[in-house]
């Protein structure tokens, strides 16, 4: 009877980690989508650089030719009065990189919420802080490294200053906010698992 109880607790424990990982991935994808919508709207309005320019900008990380050209053309078109210049391959590349990166950060956040047993009241603020920390890691670590490895140049190395630190910070705060909102479900489920583990489980070596 005791062995069966312990086995069930172990299964629930593993399941909670798996659920946290999956929900983190989903949160990251949703957060990346909302972040992209904000960045593209900003680019098409008060920045006046072109609606799809953020995607071309990201895509230029690994494809300095076509994506970099698309970024430049999009910005020139926006200044000429057409903010919706679109070309498929560079846009798809940029979107793919953005969503993969968002999913990766989301996975990390989901596991962090589960590991630290972050409470419901704290998970949203923690998400926003996590988004800002992700921005700092990307800005001062990942982006310069990618620019160096793939010879992407200032467009990637200096992306935060090109976008504008204010807008770049808001983008990542929004990303973190979405992570936190989805993380509420992770925190709730983790709390349920923790309170449902039987006394026998806590005494196992």
N, C-alpha and C. Protein backbone atom coordinates (compact mmCIF):
# COMPACT_ATOMS: atom_id res chain seq x y z
N UNK A 1 0.84 -1.20 0.00
CA UNK A 1 0.00 0.00 0.00
C UNK A 1 0.87 1.25 0.00
N UNK A 2 1.92 1.24 0.88
CA UNK A 2 2.81 2.38 0.99
C UNK A 2 3.59 2.57 -0.32
N UNK A 3 4.07 1.47 -0.88
CA UNK A 3 4.82 1.54 -2.13
C UNK A 3 3.96 2.11 -3.25
N UNK A 4 2.70 1.73 -3.29
CA UNK A 4 1.79 2.24 -4.30
C UNK A 4 1.58 3.74 -4.14
N UNK A 5 1.49 4.18 -2.88
CA UNK A 5 1.31 5.60 -2.60
C UNK A 5 2.52 6.40 -3.05
N UNK A 6 3.72 5.88 -2.73
CA UNK A 6 4.97 6.55 -3.11
C UNK A 6 5.10 6.61 -4.62
N UNK A 7 4.76 5.51 -5.30
CA UNK A 7 4.82 5.48 -6.76
C UNK A 7 3.91 6.51 -7.38
N UNK A 8 2.71 6.62 -6.82
CA UNK A 8 1.76 7.62 -7.31
C UNK A 8 2.27 9.03 -7.10
N UNK A 9 2.91 9.26 -5.94
CA UNK A 9 3.46 10.58 -5.66
C UNK A 9 4.59 10.91 -6.62
N UNK A 10 5.44 9.90 -6.90
CA UNK A 10 6.55 10.11 -7.83
C UNK A 10 6.03 10.45 -9.22
N UNK A 11 5.01 9.73 -9.65
CA UNK A 11 4.41 9.98 -10.96
C UNK A 11 3.84 11.39 -11.04
N UNK A 12 3.17 11.83 -9.97
CA UNK A 12 2.61 13.17 -9.93
C UNK A 12 3.71 14.23 -9.96
N UNK A 13 4.79 13.94 -9.26
CA UNK A 13 5.93 14.87 -9.21
C UNK A 13 6.53 15.05 -10.60
N UNK A 14 6.78 13.95 -11.30
CA UNK A 14 7.34 14.02 -12.65
C UNK A 14 6.37 14.71 -13.60
N UNK A 15 5.10 14.37 -13.45
CA UNK A 15 4.09 14.98 -14.30
C UNK A 15 4.02 16.48 -14.12
N UNK A 16 4.22 16.95 -12.89
CA UNK A 16 4.16 18.39 -12.64
C UNK A 16 5.33 19.11 -13.32
N UNK A 17 6.50 18.48 -13.36
CA UNK A 17 7.64 19.07 -14.05
C UNK A 17 7.40 19.10 -15.56
N UNK A 18 6.85 18.01 -16.07
CA UNK A 18 6.55 17.96 -17.51
C UNK A 18 5.52 19.03 -17.88
N UNK A 19 4.51 19.16 -17.05
CA UNK A 19 3.47 20.16 -17.31
C UNK A 19 4.05 21.58 -17.25
N UNK A 20 4.93 21.82 -16.29
CA UNK A 20 5.57 23.13 -16.18
C UNK A 20 6.38 23.44 -17.42
N UNK A 21 7.09 22.43 -17.95
CA UNK A 21 7.90 22.63 -19.15
C UNK A 21 7.02 22.95 -20.35
N UNK A 22 5.95 22.18 -20.51
CA UNK A 22 5.06 22.39 -21.66
C UNK A 22 4.37 23.74 -21.57
N UNK A 23 3.87 24.08 -20.38
CA UNK A 23 3.20 25.36 -20.22
C UNK A 23 4.17 26.52 -20.40
N UNK A 24 5.43 26.32 -19.98
CA UNK A 24 6.44 27.34 -20.20
C UNK A 24 6.70 27.56 -21.68
N UNK A 25 6.78 26.48 -22.44
CA UNK A 25 6.95 26.59 -23.89
C UNK A 25 5.79 27.34 -24.52
N UNK A 26 4.59 26.97 -24.13
CA UNK A 26 3.40 27.64 -24.67
C UNK A 26 3.39 29.11 -24.28
N UNK A 27 3.73 29.39 -23.03
CA UNK A 27 3.79 30.78 -22.57
C UNK A 27 4.82 31.57 -23.36
N UNK A 28 5.96 30.94 -23.64
CA UNK A 28 6.99 31.61 -24.41
C UNK A 28 6.54 31.93 -25.82
N UNK A 29 5.82 31.01 -26.44
CA UNK A 29 5.32 31.25 -27.80
C UNK A 29 4.27 32.37 -27.81
N UNK A 30 3.37 32.33 -26.82
CA UNK A 30 2.35 33.38 -26.74
C UNK A 30 3.01 34.73 -26.45
N UNK A 31 3.95 34.71 -25.51
CA UNK A 31 4.66 35.94 -25.17
C UNK A 31 5.42 36.51 -26.36
N UNK A 32 6.05 35.62 -27.13
CA UNK A 32 6.79 36.07 -28.32
C UNK A 32 5.84 36.69 -29.34
N UNK A 33 4.64 36.13 -29.47
CA UNK A 33 3.66 36.66 -30.41
C UNK A 33 3.20 38.05 -30.00
N UNK A 34 2.86 38.20 -28.71
CA UNK A 34 2.41 39.50 -28.22
C UNK A 34 3.53 40.53 -28.33
N UNK A 35 4.74 40.10 -27.99
CA UNK A 35 5.90 40.98 -28.09
C UNK A 35 6.12 41.44 -29.53
N UNK A 36 5.99 40.51 -30.48
CA UNK A 36 6.17 40.84 -31.90
C UNK A 36 5.11 41.82 -32.37
N UNK A 37 3.87 41.62 -31.93
CA UNK A 37 2.79 42.53 -32.33
C UNK A 37 3.09 43.95 -31.84
N UNK A 38 3.56 44.06 -30.60
CA UNK A 38 3.91 45.38 -30.08
C UNK A 38 5.07 45.99 -30.86
N UNK A 39 6.13 45.20 -31.10
CA UNK A 39 7.31 45.71 -31.80
C UNK A 39 6.96 46.16 -33.21
N UNK A 40 6.12 45.39 -33.90
CA UNK A 40 5.76 45.71 -35.28
C UNK A 40 4.84 46.93 -35.32
N UNK A 41 3.94 47.03 -34.34
CA UNK A 41 3.07 48.20 -34.27
C UNK A 41 3.89 49.46 -33.99
N UNK A 42 4.83 49.34 -33.07
CA UNK A 42 5.71 50.48 -32.76
C UNK A 42 6.50 50.90 -33.99
N UNK A 43 7.01 49.91 -34.72
CA UNK A 43 7.81 50.20 -35.91
C UNK A 43 6.99 50.90 -36.99
N UNK A 44 5.71 50.54 -37.08
CA UNK A 44 4.86 51.11 -38.12
C UNK A 44 4.27 52.46 -37.73
N UNK A 45 4.34 52.80 -36.43
CA UNK A 45 3.72 54.05 -35.97
C UNK A 45 4.78 55.07 -35.54
N UNK A 46 5.05 55.14 -34.24
CA UNK A 46 5.91 56.23 -33.76
C UNK A 46 7.38 56.09 -34.16
N UNK A 47 7.83 54.87 -34.50
CA UNK A 47 9.21 54.72 -34.96
C UNK A 47 9.35 54.98 -36.46
N UNK A 48 8.25 54.77 -37.18
CA UNK A 48 8.22 55.04 -38.63
C UNK A 48 9.33 54.30 -39.38
N UNK A 49 9.53 53.01 -39.03
CA UNK A 49 10.57 52.22 -39.71
C UNK A 49 9.99 51.06 -40.52
N UNK A 50 8.69 50.85 -40.49
CA UNK A 50 8.07 49.78 -41.27
C UNK A 50 7.56 48.64 -40.42
N UNK A 51 6.35 48.22 -40.70
CA UNK A 51 5.67 47.21 -39.88
C UNK A 51 6.46 45.90 -39.78
N UNK A 52 7.01 45.42 -40.87
CA UNK A 52 7.70 44.12 -40.87
C UNK A 52 9.20 44.24 -40.61
N UNK A 53 9.68 45.46 -40.43
CA UNK A 53 11.11 45.66 -40.22
C UNK A 53 11.67 44.89 -39.01
N UNK A 54 10.95 44.79 -37.87
CA UNK A 54 11.48 44.00 -36.76
C UNK A 54 11.79 42.55 -37.15
N UNK A 55 10.97 41.96 -38.02
CA UNK A 55 11.23 40.58 -38.44
C UNK A 55 12.48 40.52 -39.31
N UNK A 56 12.63 41.46 -40.22
CA UNK A 56 13.83 41.48 -41.06
C UNK A 56 15.07 41.73 -40.21
N UNK A 57 14.90 42.56 -39.19
CA UNK A 57 16.02 42.87 -38.29
C UNK A 57 16.50 41.60 -37.59
N UNK A 58 15.57 40.84 -37.05
CA UNK A 58 15.93 39.58 -36.38
C UNK A 58 16.53 38.60 -37.36
N UNK A 59 15.93 38.50 -38.55
CA UNK A 59 16.41 37.56 -39.55
C UNK A 59 17.82 37.84 -40.01
N UNK A 60 18.26 39.08 -39.90
CA UNK A 60 19.61 39.42 -40.35
C UNK A 60 20.69 38.84 -39.45
N UNK A 61 20.29 38.24 -38.32
CA UNK A 61 21.26 37.61 -37.42
C UNK A 61 22.03 36.49 -38.11
N UNK A 62 21.34 35.68 -38.91
CA UNK A 62 21.97 34.54 -39.57
C UNK A 62 21.97 34.66 -41.08
N UNK A 63 21.46 35.75 -41.58
CA UNK A 63 21.38 35.92 -43.03
C UNK A 63 21.60 37.39 -43.36
N UNK A 64 22.86 37.80 -43.34
CA UNK A 64 23.17 39.22 -43.48
C UNK A 64 22.86 39.75 -44.87
N UNK A 65 22.66 38.85 -45.85
CA UNK A 65 22.38 39.30 -47.20
C UNK A 65 20.94 39.70 -47.41
N UNK A 66 20.07 38.72 -47.69
CA UNK A 66 18.69 39.02 -48.06
C UNK A 66 17.92 39.72 -46.95
N UNK A 67 18.07 39.25 -45.71
CA UNK A 67 17.33 39.85 -44.60
C UNK A 67 17.80 41.27 -44.32
N UNK A 68 19.11 41.49 -44.38
CA UNK A 68 19.64 42.83 -44.17
C UNK A 68 19.15 43.78 -45.26
N UNK A 69 19.12 43.29 -46.49
CA UNK A 69 18.60 44.11 -47.59
C UNK A 69 17.12 44.41 -47.39
N UNK A 70 16.36 43.40 -46.93
CA UNK A 70 14.94 43.58 -46.69
C UNK A 70 14.70 44.62 -45.60
N UNK A 71 15.53 44.57 -44.57
CA UNK A 71 15.41 45.53 -43.48
C UNK A 71 15.64 46.96 -43.98
N UNK A 72 16.70 47.13 -44.75
CA UNK A 72 17.02 48.45 -45.30
C UNK A 72 15.92 48.94 -46.24
N UNK A 73 15.44 48.05 -47.10
CA UNK A 73 14.39 48.42 -48.05
C UNK A 73 13.10 48.78 -47.32
N UNK A 74 12.77 48.00 -46.30
CA UNK A 74 11.55 48.24 -45.53
C UNK A 74 11.59 49.61 -44.85
N UNK A 75 12.74 49.97 -44.31
CA UNK A 75 12.88 51.26 -43.65
C UNK A 75 12.78 52.41 -44.66
N UNK A 76 13.40 52.22 -45.82
CA UNK A 76 13.32 53.25 -46.86
C UNK A 76 11.90 53.42 -47.38
N UNK A 77 11.20 52.28 -47.54
CA UNK A 77 9.81 52.33 -48.00
C UNK A 77 8.93 53.03 -46.99
N UNK A 78 9.19 52.76 -45.70
CA UNK A 78 8.40 53.40 -44.64
C UNK A 78 8.60 54.92 -44.67
N UNK A 79 9.83 55.34 -44.85
CA UNK A 79 10.11 56.78 -44.92
C UNK A 79 9.47 57.42 -46.15
N UNK A 80 9.27 56.59 -47.19
CA UNK A 80 8.64 57.09 -48.42
C UNK A 80 7.11 57.03 -48.34
N UNK A 81 6.58 56.51 -47.23
CA UNK A 81 5.14 56.50 -47.04
C UNK A 81 4.48 55.14 -47.14
N UNK A 82 5.27 54.06 -47.34
CA UNK A 82 4.70 52.71 -47.41
C UNK A 82 5.28 51.87 -46.27
N UNK A 83 4.57 51.76 -45.14
CA UNK A 83 5.10 51.04 -43.99
C UNK A 83 4.91 49.52 -44.03
N UNK A 84 4.35 49.00 -45.12
CA UNK A 84 4.01 47.57 -45.14
C UNK A 84 4.76 46.80 -46.23
N UNK A 85 5.98 47.20 -46.52
CA UNK A 85 6.80 46.43 -47.46
C UNK A 85 6.99 45.02 -46.90
N UNK A 86 6.75 44.00 -47.74
CA UNK A 86 6.82 42.62 -47.26
C UNK A 86 7.53 41.72 -48.26
N UNK A 87 8.42 40.88 -47.73
CA UNK A 87 9.06 39.84 -48.52
C UNK A 87 9.10 38.58 -47.67
N UNK A 88 8.69 37.47 -48.23
CA UNK A 88 8.34 36.27 -47.45
C UNK A 88 9.50 35.63 -46.71
N UNK A 89 10.58 35.30 -47.40
CA UNK A 89 11.65 34.50 -46.78
C UNK A 89 12.31 35.23 -45.60
N UNK A 90 12.73 36.46 -45.74
CA UNK A 90 13.32 37.15 -44.58
C UNK A 90 12.34 37.29 -43.42
N UNK A 91 11.06 37.54 -43.73
CA UNK A 91 10.07 37.67 -42.66
C UNK A 91 9.88 36.34 -41.93
N UNK A 92 9.82 35.24 -42.69
CA UNK A 92 9.65 33.91 -42.09
C UNK A 92 10.86 33.54 -41.25
N UNK A 93 12.05 33.89 -41.74
CA UNK A 93 13.27 33.59 -40.98
C UNK A 93 13.28 34.35 -39.67
N UNK A 94 12.96 35.63 -39.73
CA UNK A 94 12.93 36.44 -38.51
C UNK A 94 11.89 35.94 -37.53
N UNK A 95 10.71 35.59 -38.03
CA UNK A 95 9.66 35.09 -37.15
C UNK A 95 10.07 33.77 -36.51
N UNK A 96 10.70 32.90 -37.30
CA UNK A 96 11.14 31.61 -36.77
C UNK A 96 12.15 31.76 -35.65
N UNK A 97 13.15 32.62 -35.86
CA UNK A 97 14.16 32.86 -34.83
C UNK A 97 13.51 33.44 -33.57
N UNK A 98 12.61 34.38 -33.77
CA UNK A 98 11.95 35.04 -32.64
C UNK A 98 11.13 34.05 -31.81
N UNK A 99 10.37 33.20 -32.48
CA UNK A 99 9.51 32.27 -31.74
C UNK A 99 10.31 31.16 -31.07
N UNK A 100 11.38 30.70 -31.71
CA UNK A 100 12.23 29.69 -31.07
C UNK A 100 12.89 30.26 -29.82
N UNK A 101 13.37 31.49 -29.93
CA UNK A 101 13.99 32.14 -28.77
C UNK A 101 12.97 32.34 -27.66
N UNK A 102 11.77 32.80 -28.01
CA UNK A 102 10.72 32.98 -27.01
C UNK A 102 10.35 31.68 -26.33
N UNK A 103 10.26 30.61 -27.11
CA UNK A 103 9.93 29.31 -26.53
C UNK A 103 11.01 28.85 -25.56
N UNK A 104 12.27 29.10 -25.91
CA UNK A 104 13.38 28.71 -25.03
C UNK A 104 13.34 29.44 -23.70
N UNK A 105 13.12 30.74 -23.75
CA UNK A 105 13.02 31.51 -22.51
C UNK A 105 11.77 31.10 -21.72
N UNK A 106 10.69 30.79 -22.42
CA UNK A 106 9.48 30.35 -21.74
C UNK A 106 9.68 29.03 -21.03
N UNK A 107 10.37 28.10 -21.68
CA UNK A 107 10.68 26.81 -21.05
C UNK A 107 11.47 27.02 -19.77
N UNK A 108 12.48 27.88 -19.84
CA UNK A 108 13.30 28.17 -18.66
C UNK A 108 12.45 28.77 -17.54
N UNK A 109 11.55 29.67 -17.91
CA UNK A 109 10.70 30.30 -16.91
C UNK A 109 9.76 29.29 -16.26
N UNK A 110 9.15 28.42 -17.08
CA UNK A 110 8.24 27.41 -16.54
C UNK A 110 8.93 26.50 -15.53
N UNK A 111 10.15 26.08 -15.84
CA UNK A 111 10.90 25.22 -14.93
C UNK A 111 11.32 25.99 -13.68
N UNK A 112 11.62 27.29 -13.86
CA UNK A 112 11.99 28.12 -12.71
C UNK A 112 10.82 28.27 -11.75
N UNK A 113 9.63 28.50 -12.29
CA UNK A 113 8.43 28.62 -11.45
C UNK A 113 8.21 27.34 -10.66
N UNK A 114 8.37 26.21 -11.33
CA UNK A 114 8.17 24.91 -10.68
C UNK A 114 9.25 24.64 -9.64
N UNK A 115 10.51 24.92 -9.98
CA UNK A 115 11.62 24.62 -9.08
C UNK A 115 11.59 25.47 -7.81
N UNK A 116 11.25 26.76 -7.98
CA UNK A 116 11.27 27.68 -6.84
C UNK A 116 9.93 27.74 -6.12
N UNK A 117 8.93 27.02 -6.69
CA UNK A 117 7.59 27.00 -6.09
C UNK A 117 7.08 28.43 -5.87
N UNK A 118 7.22 29.24 -6.90
CA UNK A 118 6.81 30.64 -6.82
C UNK A 118 5.30 30.71 -6.62
N UNK A 119 4.87 31.53 -5.70
CA UNK A 119 3.45 31.62 -5.36
C UNK A 119 2.67 32.39 -6.42
N UNK A 120 1.36 32.22 -6.41
CA UNK A 120 0.49 32.90 -7.37
C UNK A 120 0.64 34.42 -7.27
N UNK A 121 0.78 34.94 -6.07
CA UNK A 121 0.86 36.39 -5.90
C UNK A 121 2.16 36.98 -6.44
N UNK A 122 3.18 36.15 -6.57
CA UNK A 122 4.49 36.65 -6.99
C UNK A 122 4.82 36.33 -8.44
N UNK A 123 4.10 35.39 -9.05
CA UNK A 123 4.55 34.88 -10.34
C UNK A 123 4.48 35.92 -11.46
N UNK A 124 3.50 36.81 -11.44
CA UNK A 124 3.43 37.83 -12.50
C UNK A 124 4.56 38.85 -12.36
N UNK A 125 4.79 39.44 -11.17
CA UNK A 125 5.94 40.33 -11.03
C UNK A 125 7.26 39.65 -11.36
N UNK A 126 7.39 38.39 -10.94
CA UNK A 126 8.61 37.64 -11.26
C UNK A 126 8.74 37.48 -12.77
N UNK A 127 7.62 37.27 -13.46
CA UNK A 127 7.65 37.16 -14.92
C UNK A 127 8.16 38.42 -15.58
N UNK A 128 7.69 39.57 -15.11
CA UNK A 128 8.14 40.84 -15.69
C UNK A 128 9.64 41.03 -15.45
N UNK A 129 10.09 40.75 -14.23
CA UNK A 129 11.53 40.85 -13.93
C UNK A 129 12.32 39.87 -14.79
N UNK A 130 11.79 38.67 -14.97
CA UNK A 130 12.44 37.66 -15.80
C UNK A 130 12.58 38.17 -17.23
N UNK A 131 11.53 38.84 -17.75
CA UNK A 131 11.59 39.39 -19.10
C UNK A 131 12.69 40.43 -19.25
N UNK A 132 12.85 41.30 -18.24
CA UNK A 132 13.90 42.31 -18.28
C UNK A 132 15.28 41.67 -18.17
N UNK A 133 15.40 40.66 -17.32
CA UNK A 133 16.68 39.95 -17.20
C UNK A 133 17.03 39.25 -18.51
N UNK A 134 16.01 38.67 -19.17
CA UNK A 134 16.23 38.03 -20.48
C UNK A 134 16.75 39.07 -21.48
N UNK A 135 16.18 40.27 -21.43
CA UNK A 135 16.64 41.34 -22.32
C UNK A 135 18.11 41.66 -22.08
N UNK A 136 18.52 41.74 -20.82
CA UNK A 136 19.90 42.06 -20.49
C UNK A 136 20.85 40.97 -20.96
N UNK A 137 20.44 39.71 -20.76
CA UNK A 137 21.27 38.60 -21.22
C UNK A 137 21.40 38.62 -22.74
N UNK A 138 20.28 38.85 -23.43
CA UNK A 138 20.31 38.91 -24.88
C UNK A 138 21.16 40.09 -25.36
N UNK A 139 21.00 41.25 -24.73
CA UNK A 139 21.65 42.47 -25.18
C UNK A 139 23.15 42.45 -25.00
N UNK A 140 23.59 41.95 -23.84
CA UNK A 140 25.01 42.02 -23.51
C UNK A 140 25.73 40.69 -23.65
N UNK A 141 25.00 39.63 -23.93
CA UNK A 141 25.63 38.33 -24.09
C UNK A 141 25.35 37.67 -25.42
N UNK A 142 24.08 37.35 -25.65
CA UNK A 142 23.70 36.55 -26.82
C UNK A 142 23.89 37.32 -28.13
N UNK A 143 23.34 38.53 -28.21
CA UNK A 143 23.40 39.28 -29.46
C UNK A 143 24.83 39.60 -29.91
N UNK A 144 25.70 40.09 -29.02
CA UNK A 144 27.09 40.30 -29.44
C UNK A 144 27.78 39.00 -29.87
N UNK A 145 27.47 37.89 -29.18
CA UNK A 145 28.08 36.61 -29.54
C UNK A 145 27.61 36.15 -30.92
N UNK A 146 26.31 36.28 -31.19
CA UNK A 146 25.76 35.90 -32.49
C UNK A 146 26.35 36.78 -33.59
N UNK A 147 26.44 38.07 -33.32
CA UNK A 147 27.00 38.99 -34.31
C UNK A 147 28.44 38.62 -34.64
N UNK A 148 29.20 38.20 -33.62
CA UNK A 148 30.58 37.80 -33.84
C UNK A 148 30.70 36.50 -34.61
N UNK A 149 29.87 35.53 -34.26
CA UNK A 149 29.94 34.21 -34.91
C UNK A 149 29.49 34.24 -36.36
N UNK A 150 28.45 35.02 -36.64
CA UNK A 150 27.86 35.00 -37.98
C UNK A 150 28.15 36.28 -38.78
N UNK A 151 29.03 37.10 -38.23
CA UNK A 151 29.42 38.33 -38.90
C UNK A 151 28.19 39.18 -39.26
N UNK A 152 27.28 39.30 -38.29
CA UNK A 152 26.02 40.01 -38.53
C UNK A 152 26.18 41.53 -38.42
N UNK A 153 27.27 41.96 -37.77
CA UNK A 153 27.55 43.38 -37.70
C UNK A 153 26.72 44.13 -36.67
N UNK A 154 26.73 45.47 -36.76
CA UNK A 154 26.05 46.32 -35.77
C UNK A 154 24.53 46.10 -35.70
N UNK A 155 23.93 45.66 -36.79
CA UNK A 155 22.47 45.48 -36.79
C UNK A 155 22.03 44.52 -35.69
N UNK A 156 22.84 43.51 -35.41
CA UNK A 156 22.53 42.55 -34.35
C UNK A 156 23.23 42.93 -33.06
N UNK A 157 24.50 43.26 -33.15
CA UNK A 157 25.25 43.60 -31.94
C UNK A 157 24.63 44.79 -31.20
N UNK A 158 24.17 45.77 -31.95
CA UNK A 158 23.62 46.99 -31.34
C UNK A 158 22.10 47.07 -31.49
N UNK A 159 21.43 45.92 -31.57
CA UNK A 159 19.99 45.91 -31.76
C UNK A 159 19.23 46.74 -30.72
N UNK A 160 19.55 46.64 -29.42
CA UNK A 160 18.78 47.42 -28.44
C UNK A 160 18.84 48.92 -28.69
N UNK A 161 20.01 49.44 -29.01
CA UNK A 161 20.12 50.88 -29.24
C UNK A 161 19.50 51.28 -30.57
N UNK A 162 19.54 50.38 -31.57
CA UNK A 162 18.89 50.67 -32.85
C UNK A 162 17.38 50.71 -32.70
N UNK A 163 16.84 49.78 -31.96
CA UNK A 163 15.40 49.75 -31.70
C UNK A 163 15.01 50.89 -30.76
N UNK A 164 15.91 51.19 -29.84
CA UNK A 164 15.64 52.16 -28.78
C UNK A 164 15.47 51.42 -27.47
N UNK A 165 16.27 51.77 -26.48
CA UNK A 165 16.24 51.03 -25.22
C UNK A 165 14.86 51.08 -24.56
N UNK A 166 14.16 52.19 -24.72
CA UNK A 166 12.83 52.30 -24.14
C UNK A 166 11.87 51.28 -24.73
N UNK A 167 11.79 51.27 -26.05
CA UNK A 167 10.90 50.32 -26.74
C UNK A 167 11.35 48.88 -26.49
N UNK A 168 12.66 48.65 -26.54
CA UNK A 168 13.20 47.31 -26.34
C UNK A 168 12.85 46.80 -24.94
N UNK A 169 12.92 47.68 -23.95
CA UNK A 169 12.58 47.30 -22.58
C UNK A 169 11.10 46.98 -22.43
N UNK A 170 10.25 47.81 -23.05
CA UNK A 170 8.81 47.55 -22.98
C UNK A 170 8.47 46.23 -23.65
N UNK A 171 9.08 45.96 -24.78
CA UNK A 171 8.85 44.68 -25.48
C UNK A 171 9.11 43.50 -24.56
N UNK A 172 10.22 43.54 -23.85
CA UNK A 172 10.59 42.41 -23.00
C UNK A 172 9.78 42.37 -21.71
N UNK A 173 9.36 43.55 -21.23
CA UNK A 173 8.46 43.57 -20.06
C UNK A 173 7.12 42.93 -20.43
N UNK A 174 6.64 43.22 -21.64
CA UNK A 174 5.40 42.60 -22.12
C UNK A 174 5.56 41.09 -22.22
N UNK A 175 6.70 40.66 -22.78
CA UNK A 175 6.98 39.23 -22.87
C UNK A 175 6.95 38.59 -21.49
N UNK A 176 7.60 39.22 -20.52
CA UNK A 176 7.62 38.68 -19.16
C UNK A 176 6.25 38.69 -18.51
N UNK A 177 5.45 39.72 -18.81
CA UNK A 177 4.09 39.78 -18.27
C UNK A 177 3.26 38.60 -18.74
N UNK A 178 3.36 38.28 -20.02
CA UNK A 178 2.62 37.13 -20.56
C UNK A 178 3.12 35.84 -19.92
N UNK A 179 4.44 35.70 -19.75
CA UNK A 179 4.98 34.52 -19.07
C UNK A 179 4.39 34.40 -17.67
N UNK A 180 4.31 35.53 -16.97
CA UNK A 180 3.78 35.51 -15.62
C UNK A 180 2.33 35.12 -15.56
N UNK A 181 1.54 35.65 -16.50
CA UNK A 181 0.11 35.33 -16.51
C UNK A 181 -0.12 33.84 -16.76
N UNK A 182 0.63 33.28 -17.71
CA UNK A 182 0.50 31.84 -17.96
C UNK A 182 1.12 31.07 -16.80
N UNK A 183 2.16 31.63 -16.20
CA UNK A 183 2.81 30.98 -15.07
C UNK A 183 1.89 30.83 -13.86
N UNK A 184 0.82 31.63 -13.80
CA UNK A 184 -0.15 31.47 -12.72
C UNK A 184 -0.70 30.05 -12.69
N UNK A 185 -0.95 29.52 -13.87
CA UNK A 185 -1.48 28.15 -13.95
C UNK A 185 -0.43 27.14 -13.48
N UNK A 186 0.84 27.40 -13.82
CA UNK A 186 1.91 26.50 -13.38
C UNK A 186 2.02 26.54 -11.86
N UNK A 187 2.01 27.75 -11.29
CA UNK A 187 2.14 27.90 -9.85
C UNK A 187 0.98 27.22 -9.12
N UNK A 188 -0.22 27.35 -9.67
CA UNK A 188 -1.39 26.74 -9.05
C UNK A 188 -1.27 25.23 -9.05
N UNK A 189 -0.85 24.68 -10.19
CA UNK A 189 -0.72 23.23 -10.30
C UNK A 189 0.38 22.71 -9.39
N UNK A 190 1.49 23.44 -9.29
CA UNK A 190 2.59 23.02 -8.44
C UNK A 190 2.16 23.00 -6.98
N UNK A 191 1.38 24.01 -6.58
CA UNK A 191 0.89 24.07 -5.21
C UNK A 191 -0.01 22.88 -4.91
N UNK A 192 -0.84 22.51 -5.89
CA UNK A 192 -1.73 21.37 -5.71
C UNK A 192 -0.94 20.08 -5.53
N UNK A 193 0.10 19.91 -6.37
CA UNK A 193 0.94 18.71 -6.28
C UNK A 193 1.64 18.66 -4.94
N UNK A 194 2.20 19.79 -4.50
CA UNK A 194 2.97 19.82 -3.26
C UNK A 194 2.10 19.50 -2.05
N UNK A 195 0.88 20.01 -2.03
CA UNK A 195 0.01 19.76 -0.88
C UNK A 195 -0.62 18.38 -0.91
N UNK A 196 -0.58 17.73 -2.10
CA UNK A 196 -1.22 16.42 -2.18
C UNK A 196 -0.24 15.28 -1.95
N UNK A 197 1.07 15.56 -1.84
CA UNK A 197 2.05 14.49 -1.60
C UNK A 197 1.88 13.97 -0.19
N UNK A 198 1.74 12.67 0.02
CA UNK A 198 1.46 12.12 1.33
C UNK A 198 2.67 12.19 2.26
N UNK A 199 2.40 12.06 3.56
CA UNK A 199 3.45 12.10 4.57
C UNK A 199 4.50 11.04 4.32
N UNK A 200 4.10 9.83 3.87
CA UNK A 200 5.06 8.77 3.64
C UNK A 200 6.11 9.19 2.62
N UNK A 201 5.71 9.98 1.62
CA UNK A 201 6.64 10.42 0.58
C UNK A 201 7.72 11.33 1.16
N UNK A 202 7.35 12.20 2.06
CA UNK A 202 8.32 13.14 2.61
C UNK A 202 9.33 12.45 3.50
N UNK A 203 9.03 11.20 3.93
CA UNK A 203 9.96 10.49 4.78
C UNK A 203 10.84 9.53 4.03
N UNK A 204 10.65 9.44 2.71
CA UNK A 204 11.46 8.50 1.95
C UNK A 204 12.89 9.00 1.83
N UNK A 205 13.93 8.08 1.90
CA UNK A 205 15.32 8.51 1.81
C UNK A 205 15.64 9.00 0.40
